[in-house]
Amino acid sequence: MTELNNQAANNVKQRDHFRIKVCGLTNVKQVSQLNEIGIEFAGFNFYRRSPRYVYKSMPSTAIKKMRGKINKVGVFVDEDVDEVLRTVDDCGLYLVQLHGNESPRYCEKISNYITVIKAFRLSSDDNVEWKIKDYYDAADMFLFDTETPAFGGSGKKFNWQILKDVLINKPFFLAGGISPEDADEIKKFAAHAVAKDLFAIDINSKFELMPGVKDIELVKAFRKRLSDPLLPNLFEENI
């Protein structure tokens, strides 16, 4: 596997607050606004069946020209390997998120070229350890989302409780219908041992005015709420 590329490695550092990834972006100006408020990751959906398919709204040249500290993440679903790598180059992506049914071998091919986030869509009765066990050497990071036919972006809430007793031992993104009201629940989740590997919070449909168009003020308020201290007794409830 590759390490984060140089620019991404410089941008993604240990911080004293929750990192945030805003996924399903379709507007250049909004990416710039998110960069200005300190959002760490911008997700672009290259899945053609998604209502947030980025090429409907902006060409690869526009994505490639984007500058700033924000890390550009390409989201793919069971795409041809060569097409993924071509898109990485065309758009100047820093990371790739594989959100379909990609095999470990597939992930390895991509991770030889760029940092890979492997997404796992989970239902409440899934055995998490079993689902991720073959991917430790194939991906750089994991992402946990809700099991839906639409491969993400459904707004359906993910049951985080199935993770709390799992030792992931790899950096992971927490996704799945996260809403502005979830800030305190996320901070309580951070008290569990599993959260030592919590790398970033992934937000999408609950922060939209319409598919692909984000409510920037809502994102900004959520980021601030995550950085505010949580009362100690709220942590103690889950220790």
C-alpha atoms as a PDB file:
ATOM      1  CA  MET A   1       0.000   0.000   0.000  1.00  0.00           C
ATOM      2  CA  THR A   2       1.040   3.566  -0.539  1.00  0.00           C
ATOM      3  CA  GLU A   3       1.286   6.144   2.196  1.00  0.00           C
ATOM      4  CA  LEU A   4      -0.809   9.303   1.868  1.00  0.00           C
ATOM      5  CA  ASN A   5       0.708  11.308  -0.971  1.00  0.00           C
ATOM      6  CA  ASN A   6       2.930  14.203   0.070  1.00  0.00           C
ATOM      7  CA  GLN A   7       0.292  16.912  -0.124  1.00  0.00           C
ATOM      8  CA  ALA A   8      -2.304  14.823   1.651  1.00  0.00           C
ATOM      9  CA  ALA A   9       0.230  13.760   4.273  1.00  0.00           C
ATOM     10  CA  ASN A  10       0.978  17.404   4.993  1.00  0.00           C
ATOM     11  CA  ASN A  11      -2.704  18.262   5.166  1.00  0.00           C
ATOM     12  CA  VAL A  12      -3.860  15.337   7.319  1.00  0.00           C
ATOM     13  CA  LYS A  13      -2.236  15.729  10.712  1.00  0.00           C
ATOM     14  CA  GLN A  14      -3.212  14.775  14.220  1.00  0.00           C
ATOM     15  CA  ARG A  15      -5.589  17.476  15.418  1.00  0.00           C
ATOM     16  CA  ASP A  16      -7.382  18.409  18.593  1.00  0.00           C
ATOM     17  CA  HIS A  17     -10.799  18.186  16.941  1.00  0.00           C
ATOM     18  CA  PHE A  18     -12.809  15.764  14.819  1.00  0.00           C
ATOM     19  CA  ARG A  19     -11.827  15.723  11.162  1.00  0.00           C
ATOM     20  CA  ILE A  20     -14.776  16.052   8.789  1.00  0.00           C
ATOM     21  CA  LYS A  21     -15.376  14.751   5.280  1.00  0.00           C
ATOM     22  CA  VAL A  22     -18.198  16.345   3.315  1.00  0.00           C
ATOM     23  CA  CYS A  23     -19.247  13.916   0.603  1.00  0.00           C
ATOM     24  CA  GLY A  24     -21.302  14.296  -2.567  1.00  0.00           C
ATOM     25  CA  LEU A  25     -19.994  17.724  -3.568  1.00  0.00           C
ATOM     26  CA  THR A  26     -20.937  19.097  -6.983  1.00  0.00           C
ATOM     27  CA  ASN A  27     -20.062  22.792  -6.751  1.00  0.00           C
ATOM     28  CA  VAL A  28     -16.608  24.390  -7.041  1.00  0.00           C
ATOM     29  CA  LYS A  29     -17.524  27.397  -4.920  1.00  0.00           C
ATOM     30  CA  GLN A  30     -18.782  25.190  -2.105  1.00  0.00           C
ATOM     31  CA  VAL A  31     -15.541  23.216  -2.070  1.00  0.00           C
ATOM     32  CA  SER A  32     -13.690  26.523  -1.681  1.00  0.00           C
ATOM     33  CA  GLN A  33     -16.004  27.566   1.159  1.00  0.00           C
ATOM     34  CA  LEU A  34     -15.442  24.257   2.956  1.00  0.00           C
ATOM     35  CA  ASN A  35     -11.707  24.680   2.558  1.00  0.00           C
ATOM     36  CA  GLU A  36     -11.930  28.139   4.108  1.00  0.00           C
ATOM     37  CA  ILE A  37     -13.714  26.866   7.226  1.00  0.00           C
ATOM     38  CA  GLY A  38     -11.178  24.075   7.712  1.00  0.00           C
ATOM     39  CA  ILE A  39     -13.010  20.979   6.472  1.00  0.00           C
ATOM     40  CA  GLU A  40     -10.381  18.314   5.841  1.00  0.00           C
ATOM     41  CA  PHE A  41     -11.951  16.143   3.121  1.00  0.00           C
ATOM     42  CA  ALA A  42     -14.118  16.814   0.067  1.00  0.00           C
ATOM     43  CA  GLY A  43     -15.844  13.796  -1.471  1.00  0.00           C
ATOM     44  CA  PHE A  44     -16.702  13.615  -5.186  1.00  0.00           C
ATOM     45  CA  ASN A  45     -19.015  10.851  -6.342  1.00  0.00           C
ATOM     46  CA  PHE A  46     -18.042   9.139  -9.605  1.00  0.00           C
ATOM     47  CA  TYR A  47     -20.825   6.552  -9.419  1.00  0.00           C
ATOM     48  CA  ARG A  48     -22.958   7.252 -12.491  1.00  0.00           C
ATOM     49  CA  ARG A  49     -26.228   6.191 -10.882  1.00  0.00           C
ATOM     50  CA  SER A  50     -25.839   8.577  -7.954  1.00  0.00           C
ATOM     51  CA  PRO A  51     -27.913  11.797  -7.855  1.00  0.00           C
ATOM     52  CA  ARG A  52     -24.632  13.428  -6.791  1.00  0.00           C
ATOM     53  CA  TYR A  53     -22.631  12.145  -9.787  1.00  0.00           C
ATOM     54  CA  VAL A  54     -20.022  14.867 -10.031  1.00  0.00           C
ATOM     55  CA  TYR A  55     -19.541  14.903 -13.797  1.00  0.00           C
ATOM     56  CA  LYS A  56     -23.122  16.131 -14.216  1.00  0.00           C
ATOM     57  CA  SER A  57     -22.038  19.420 -12.669  1.00  0.00           C
ATOM     58  CA  MET A  58     -18.319  19.898 -13.158  1.00  0.00           C
ATOM     59  CA  PRO A  59     -15.613  18.541 -15.467  1.00  0.00           C
ATOM     60  CA  SER A  60     -12.425  16.833 -14.380  1.00  0.00           C
ATOM     61  CA  THR A  61     -10.439  19.985 -15.202  1.00  0.00           C
ATOM     62  CA  ALA A  62     -12.396  21.976 -12.601  1.00  0.00           C
ATOM     63  CA  ILE A  63     -11.741  19.356  -9.933  1.00  0.00           C
ATOM     64  CA  LYS A  64      -8.053  19.175 -10.796  1.00  0.00           C
ATOM     65  CA  LYS A  65      -7.652  22.967 -10.518  1.00  0.00           C
ATOM     66  CA  MET A  66      -9.010  23.035  -6.960  1.00  0.00           C
ATOM     67  CA  ARG A  67      -6.381  24.165  -4.476  1.00  0.00           C
ATOM     68  CA  GLY A  68      -6.183  24.425  -0.723  1.00  0.00           C
ATOM     69  CA  LYS A  69      -5.671  22.225   2.298  1.00  0.00           C
ATOM     70  CA  ILE A  70      -8.826  20.216   1.703  1.00  0.00           C
ATOM     71  CA  ASN A  71      -8.147  16.652   0.495  1.00  0.00           C
ATOM     72  CA  LYS A  72      -9.979  15.550  -2.651  1.00  0.00           C
ATOM     73  CA  VAL A  73     -11.542  12.085  -2.305  1.00  0.00           C
ATOM     74  CA  GLY A  74     -12.990  10.193  -5.264  1.00  0.00           C
ATOM     75  CA  VAL A  75     -15.882   7.833  -4.459  1.00  0.00           C
ATOM     76  CA  PHE A  76     -16.258   4.811  -6.760  1.00  0.00           C
ATOM     77  CA  VAL A  77     -18.589   1.804  -6.829  1.00  0.00           C
ATOM     78  CA  ASP A  78     -17.289  -1.365  -8.501  1.00  0.00           C
ATOM     79  CA  GLU A  79     -15.629   0.683 -11.228  1.00  0.00           C
ATOM     80  CA  ASP A  80     -13.046  -0.711 -13.664  1.00  0.00           C
ATOM     81  CA  VAL A  81      -9.560  -0.380 -12.146  1.00  0.00           C
ATOM     82  CA  ASP A  82      -8.132   1.445 -15.157  1.00  0.00           C
ATOM     83  CA  GLU A  83     -11.020   3.919 -15.101  1.00  0.00           C
ATOM     84  CA  VAL A  84     -10.426   4.643 -11.404  1.00  0.00           C
ATOM     85  CA  LEU A  85      -6.728   5.305 -11.969  1.00  0.00           C
ATOM     86  CA  ARG A  86      -7.471   7.439 -15.024  1.00  0.00           C
ATOM     87  CA  THR A  87      -9.922   9.520 -12.998  1.00  0.00           C
ATOM     88  CA  VAL A  88      -7.380   9.918 -10.187  1.00  0.00           C
ATOM     89  CA  ASP A  89      -4.967  11.494 -12.657  1.00  0.00           C
ATOM     90  CA  ASP A  90      -7.570  13.505 -14.560  1.00  0.00           C
ATOM     91  CA  CYS A  91      -9.000  15.046 -11.375  1.00  0.00           C
ATOM     92  CA  GLY A  92      -5.875  15.242  -9.222  1.00  0.00           C
ATOM     93  CA  LEU A  93      -7.440  13.158  -6.438  1.00  0.00           C
ATOM     94  CA  TYR A  94      -5.593  12.542  -3.171  1.00  0.00           C
ATOM     95  CA  LEU A  95      -7.555   9.532  -1.924  1.00  0.00           C
ATOM     96  CA  VAL A  96      -9.980   6.963  -3.348  1.00  0.00           C
ATOM     97  CA  GLN A  97     -13.033   5.632  -1.504  1.00  0.00           C
ATOM     98  CA  LEU A  98     -14.233   2.236  -2.733  1.00  0.00           C
ATOM     99  CA  HIS A  99     -17.892   1.988  -1.791  1.00  0.00           C
ATOM    100  CA  GLY A 100     -19.057  -1.122  -3.621  1.00  0.00           C
ATOM    101  CA  ASN A 101     -18.319  -4.836  -3.389  1.00  0.00           C
ATOM    102  CA  GLU A 102     -14.644  -4.532  -4.286  1.00  0.00           C
ATOM    103  CA  SER A 103     -12.482  -7.542  -3.390  1.00  0.00           C
ATOM    104  CA  PRO A 104      -9.245  -7.297  -1.392  1.00  0.00           C
ATOM    105  CA  ARG A 105      -7.288  -7.955  -4.583  1.00  0.00           C
ATOM    106  CA  TYR A 106      -9.083  -5.106  -6.334  1.00  0.00           C
ATOM    107  CA  CYS A 107      -8.303  -2.766  -3.422  1.00  0.00           C
ATOM    108  CA  GLU A 108      -4.636  -3.767  -3.525  1.00  0.00           C
ATOM    109  CA  LYS A 109      -4.387  -2.792  -7.185  1.00  0.00           C
ATOM    110  CA  ILE A 110      -5.719   0.672  -6.411  1.00  0.00           C
ATOM    111  CA  SER A 111      -3.710   1.089  -3.207  1.00  0.00           C
ATOM    112  CA  ASN A 112      -0.486   0.492  -5.112  1.00  0.00           C
ATOM    113  CA  TYR A 113      -1.208   3.843  -6.759  1.00  0.00           C
ATOM    114  CA  ILE A 114      -3.128   5.968  -4.243  1.00  0.00           C
ATOM    115  CA  THR A 115      -4.408   5.908  -0.662  1.00  0.00           C
ATOM    116  CA  VAL A 116      -7.529   3.731  -0.392  1.00  0.00           C
ATOM    117  CA  ILE A 117     -10.515   4.023   1.934  1.00  0.00           C
ATOM    118  CA  LYS A 118     -12.559   0.804   1.800  1.00  0.00           C
ATOM    119  CA  ALA A 119     -16.196   1.343   2.727  1.00  0.00           C
ATOM    120  CA  PHE A 120     -18.287  -1.335   4.435  1.00  0.00           C
ATOM    121  CA  ARG A 121     -22.058  -1.054   4.365  1.00  0.00           C
ATOM    122  CA  LEU A 122     -23.296  -2.617   7.582  1.00  0.00           C
ATOM    123  CA  SER A 123     -26.628  -3.810   8.917  1.00  0.00           C
ATOM    124  CA  SER A 124     -27.300  -4.241  12.626  1.00  0.00           C
ATOM    125  CA  ASP A 125     -26.722  -7.996  12.599  1.00  0.00           C
ATOM    126  CA  ASP A 126     -23.457  -7.955  10.625  1.00  0.00           C
ATOM    127  CA  ASN A 127     -20.288  -9.446  12.050  1.00  0.00           C
ATOM    128  CA  VAL A 128     -17.950  -6.488  11.613  1.00  0.00           C
ATOM    129  CA  GLU A 129     -14.751  -8.407  12.325  1.00  0.00           C
ATOM    130  CA  TRP A 130     -15.624 -10.976   9.678  1.00  0.00           C
ATOM    131  CA  LYS A 131     -16.441  -8.349   7.044  1.00  0.00           C
ATOM    132  CA  ILE A 132     -13.185  -6.422   7.454  1.00  0.00           C
ATOM    133  CA  LYS A 133     -10.717  -9.231   8.208  1.00  0.00           C
ATOM    134  CA  ASP A 134      -9.474  -9.749   4.639  1.00  0.00           C
ATOM    135  CA  TYR A 135      -8.955  -6.050   3.937  1.00  0.00           C
ATOM    136  CA  TYR A 136      -6.294  -5.069   6.484  1.00  0.00           C
ATOM    137  CA  ASP A 137      -3.469  -5.394   3.999  1.00  0.00           C
ATOM    138  CA  ALA A 138      -5.547  -4.203   1.052  1.00  0.00           C
ATOM    139  CA  ALA A 139      -6.693  -0.757   2.216  1.00  0.00           C
ATOM    140  CA  ASP A 140      -5.219   2.165   4.122  1.00  0.00           C
ATOM    141  CA  MET A 141      -8.402   3.155   5.945  1.00  0.00           C
ATOM    142  CA  PHE A 142     -11.938   1.883   6.457  1.00  0.00           C
ATOM    143  CA  LEU A 143     -15.318   3.628   6.333  1.00  0.00           C
ATOM    144  CA  PHE A 144     -18.467   2.318   8.003  1.00  0.00           C
ATOM    145  CA  ASP A 145     -21.821   3.187   6.453  1.00  0.00           C
ATOM    146  CA  THR A 146     -25.427   1.986   6.419  1.00  0.00           C
ATOM    147  CA  GLU A 147     -26.409  -1.009   4.293  1.00  0.00           C
ATOM    148  CA  THR A 148     -28.643   0.368   1.526  1.00  0.00           C
ATOM    149  CA  PRO A 149     -29.268  -0.550  -2.133  1.00  0.00           C
ATOM    150  CA  ALA A 150     -28.128   2.939  -3.159  1.00  0.00           C
ATOM    151  CA  PHE A 151     -24.467   2.560  -2.062  1.00  0.00           C
ATOM    152  CA  GLY A 152     -24.585   5.480   0.367  1.00  0.00           C
ATOM    153  CA  GLY A 153     -26.155   8.924   0.482  1.00  0.00           C
ATOM    154  CA  SER A 154     -29.512   7.546   1.598  1.00  0.00           C
ATOM    155  CA  GLY A 155     -29.662   9.472   4.870  1.00  0.00           C
ATOM    156  CA  LYS A 156     -30.496   6.228   6.677  1.00  0.00           C
ATOM    157  CA  LYS A 157     -29.013   6.197  10.166  1.00  0.00           C
ATOM    158  CA  PHE A 158     -26.135   3.829  10.840  1.00  0.00           C
ATOM    159  CA  ASN A 159     -26.252   1.896  14.120  1.00  0.00           C
ATOM    160  CA  TRP A 160     -22.889   2.849  15.596  1.00  0.00           C
ATOM    161  CA  GLN A 161     -23.449   0.550  18.558  1.00  0.00           C
ATOM    162  CA  ILE A 162     -22.347  -2.468  16.535  1.00  0.00           C
ATOM    163  CA  LEU A 163     -18.852  -0.948  16.459  1.00  0.00           C
ATOM    164  CA  LYS A 164     -18.386  -0.068  20.108  1.00  0.00           C
ATOM    165  CA  ASP A 165     -16.952  -3.443  21.196  1.00  0.00           C
ATOM    166  CA  VAL A 166     -14.944  -4.038  18.026  1.00  0.00           C
ATOM    167  CA  LEU A 167     -11.194  -3.488  17.792  1.00  0.00           C
ATOM    168  CA  ILE A 168     -10.763  -2.019  14.327  1.00  0.00           C
ATOM    169  CA  ASN A 169      -7.008  -1.337  14.573  1.00  0.00           C
ATOM    170  CA  LYS A 170      -7.078   0.765  11.423  1.00  0.00           C
ATOM    171  CA  PRO A 171      -8.093   4.410  10.926  1.00  0.00           C
ATOM    172  CA  PHE A 172     -11.752   4.653   9.986  1.00  0.00           C
ATOM    173  CA  PHE A 173     -14.400   7.134   8.868  1.00  0.00           C
ATOM    174  CA  LEU A 174     -17.794   7.084  10.584  1.00  0.00           C
ATOM    175  CA  ALA A 175     -20.659   7.649   8.125  1.00  0.00           C
ATOM    176  CA  GLY A 176     -24.300   6.723   7.698  1.00  0.00           C
ATOM    177  CA  GLY A 177     -27.020   9.361   7.947  1.00  0.00           C
ATOM    178  CA  ILE A 178     -25.111  11.625  10.332  1.00  0.00           C
ATOM    179  CA  SER A 179     -27.149  14.748  11.030  1.00  0.00           C
ATOM    180  CA  PRO A 180     -26.428  18.122  12.676  1.00  0.00           C
ATOM    181  CA  GLU A 181     -28.138  16.840  15.827  1.00  0.00           C
ATOM    182  CA  ASP A 182     -25.623  13.994  16.191  1.00  0.00           C
ATOM    183  CA  ALA A 183     -22.683  16.062  17.451  1.00  0.00           C
ATOM    184  CA  ASP A 184     -23.109  15.090  21.098  1.00  0.00           C
ATOM    185  CA  GLU A 185     -23.725  11.435  20.219  1.00  0.00           C
ATOM    186  CA  ILE A 186     -20.490  11.406  18.235  1.00  0.00           C
ATOM    187  CA  LYS A 187     -18.612  12.837  21.199  1.00  0.00           C
ATOM    188  CA  LYS A 188     -20.109  10.156  23.436  1.00  0.00           C
ATOM    189  CA  PHE A 189     -19.138   7.488  20.893  1.00  0.00           C
ATOM    190  CA  ALA A 190     -15.587   8.840  21.120  1.00  0.00           C
ATOM    191  CA  ALA A 191     -15.428   7.613  24.719  1.00  0.00           C
ATOM    192  CA  HIS A 192     -15.451   3.975  23.568  1.00  0.00           C
ATOM    193  CA  ALA A 193     -12.194   2.118  23.007  1.00  0.00           C
ATOM    194  CA  VAL A 194     -12.974   1.622  19.311  1.00  0.00           C
ATOM    195  CA  ALA A 195     -12.806   5.382  18.797  1.00  0.00           C
ATOM    196  CA  LYS A 196      -9.034   5.382  19.231  1.00  0.00           C
ATOM    197  CA  ASP A 197      -9.044   4.623  15.488  1.00  0.00           C
ATOM    198  CA  LEU A 198     -11.801   7.100  14.581  1.00  0.00           C
ATOM    199  CA  PHE A 199     -10.151   9.161  11.855  1.00  0.00           C
ATOM    200  CA  ALA A 200     -12.967  11.367  10.553  1.00  0.00           C
ATOM    201  CA  ILE A 201     -16.715  11.968  10.444  1.00  0.00           C
ATOM    202  CA  ASP A 202     -18.360  11.620   7.024  1.00  0.00           C
ATOM    203  CA  ILE A 203     -21.416  13.797   6.373  1.00  0.00           C
ATOM    204  CA  ASN A 204     -23.634  14.060   3.310  1.00  0.00           C
ATOM    205  CA  SER A 205     -27.398  14.130   2.742  1.00  0.00           C
ATOM    206  CA  LYS A 206     -28.439  15.557   6.134  1.00  0.00           C
ATOM    207  CA  PHE A 207     -26.463  18.715   5.333  1.00  0.00           C
ATOM    208  CA  GLU A 208     -28.006  19.406   1.944  1.00  0.00           C
ATOM    209  CA  LEU A 209     -30.367  21.937   0.451  1.00  0.00           C
ATOM    210  CA  MET A 210     -30.790  19.492  -2.451  1.00  0.00           C
ATOM    211  CA  PRO A 211     -28.711  16.512  -3.675  1.00  0.00           C
ATOM    212  CA  GLY A 212     -25.150  17.703  -4.173  1.00  0.00           C
ATOM    213  CA  VAL A 213     -25.775  21.218  -2.813  1.00  0.00           C
ATOM    214  CA  LYS A 214     -24.676  21.618   0.796  1.00  0.00           C
ATOM    215  CA  ASP A 215     -25.880  23.965   3.497  1.00  0.00           C
ATOM    216  CA  ILE A 216     -22.493  25.506   4.312  1.00  0.00           C
ATOM    217  CA  GLU A 217     -23.753  27.297   7.417  1.00  0.00           C
ATOM    218  CA  LEU A 218     -25.098  23.999   8.746  1.00  0.00           C
ATOM    219  CA  VAL A 219     -21.730  22.334   8.138  1.00  0.00           C
ATOM    220  CA  LYS A 220     -19.968  25.213   9.872  1.00  0.00           C
ATOM    221  CA  ALA A 221     -22.270  24.997  12.906  1.00  0.00           C
ATOM    222  CA  PHE A 222     -21.801  21.223  13.094  1.00  0.00           C
ATOM    223  CA  ARG A 223     -18.026  21.581  13.010  1.00  0.00           C
ATOM    224  CA  LYS A 224     -18.191  24.124  15.830  1.00  0.00           C
ATOM    225  CA  ARG A 225     -20.515  21.895  17.858  1.00  0.00           C
ATOM    226  CA  LEU A 226     -18.116  18.984  17.512  1.00  0.00           C
ATOM    227  CA  SER A 227     -15.286  21.133  18.834  1.00  0.00           C
ATOM    228  CA  ASP A 228     -17.255  22.319  21.882  1.00  0.00           C
ATOM    229  CA  PRO A 229     -16.608  20.416  25.117  1.00  0.00           C
ATOM    230  CA  LEU A 230     -19.130  17.789  26.150  1.00  0.00           C
ATOM    231  CA  LEU A 231     -20.200  17.687  29.779  1.00  0.00           C
ATOM    232  CA  PRO A 232     -18.264  14.958  31.661  1.00  0.00           C
ATOM    233  CA  ASN A 233     -21.402  13.117  32.800  1.00  0.00           C
ATOM    234  CA  LEU A 234     -22.360  12.530  29.168  1.00  0.00           C
ATOM    235  CA  PHE A 235     -19.086  10.688  28.617  1.00  0.00           C
ATOM    236  CA  GLU A 236     -19.473   8.707  31.801  1.00  0.00           C
ATOM    237  CA  GLU A 237     -22.785   7.236  30.633  1.00  0.00           C
ATOM    238  CA  ASN A 238     -20.928   5.128  28.074  1.00  0.00           C
ATOM    239  CA  ILE A 239     -17.705   4.243  29.909  1.00  0.00           C
END
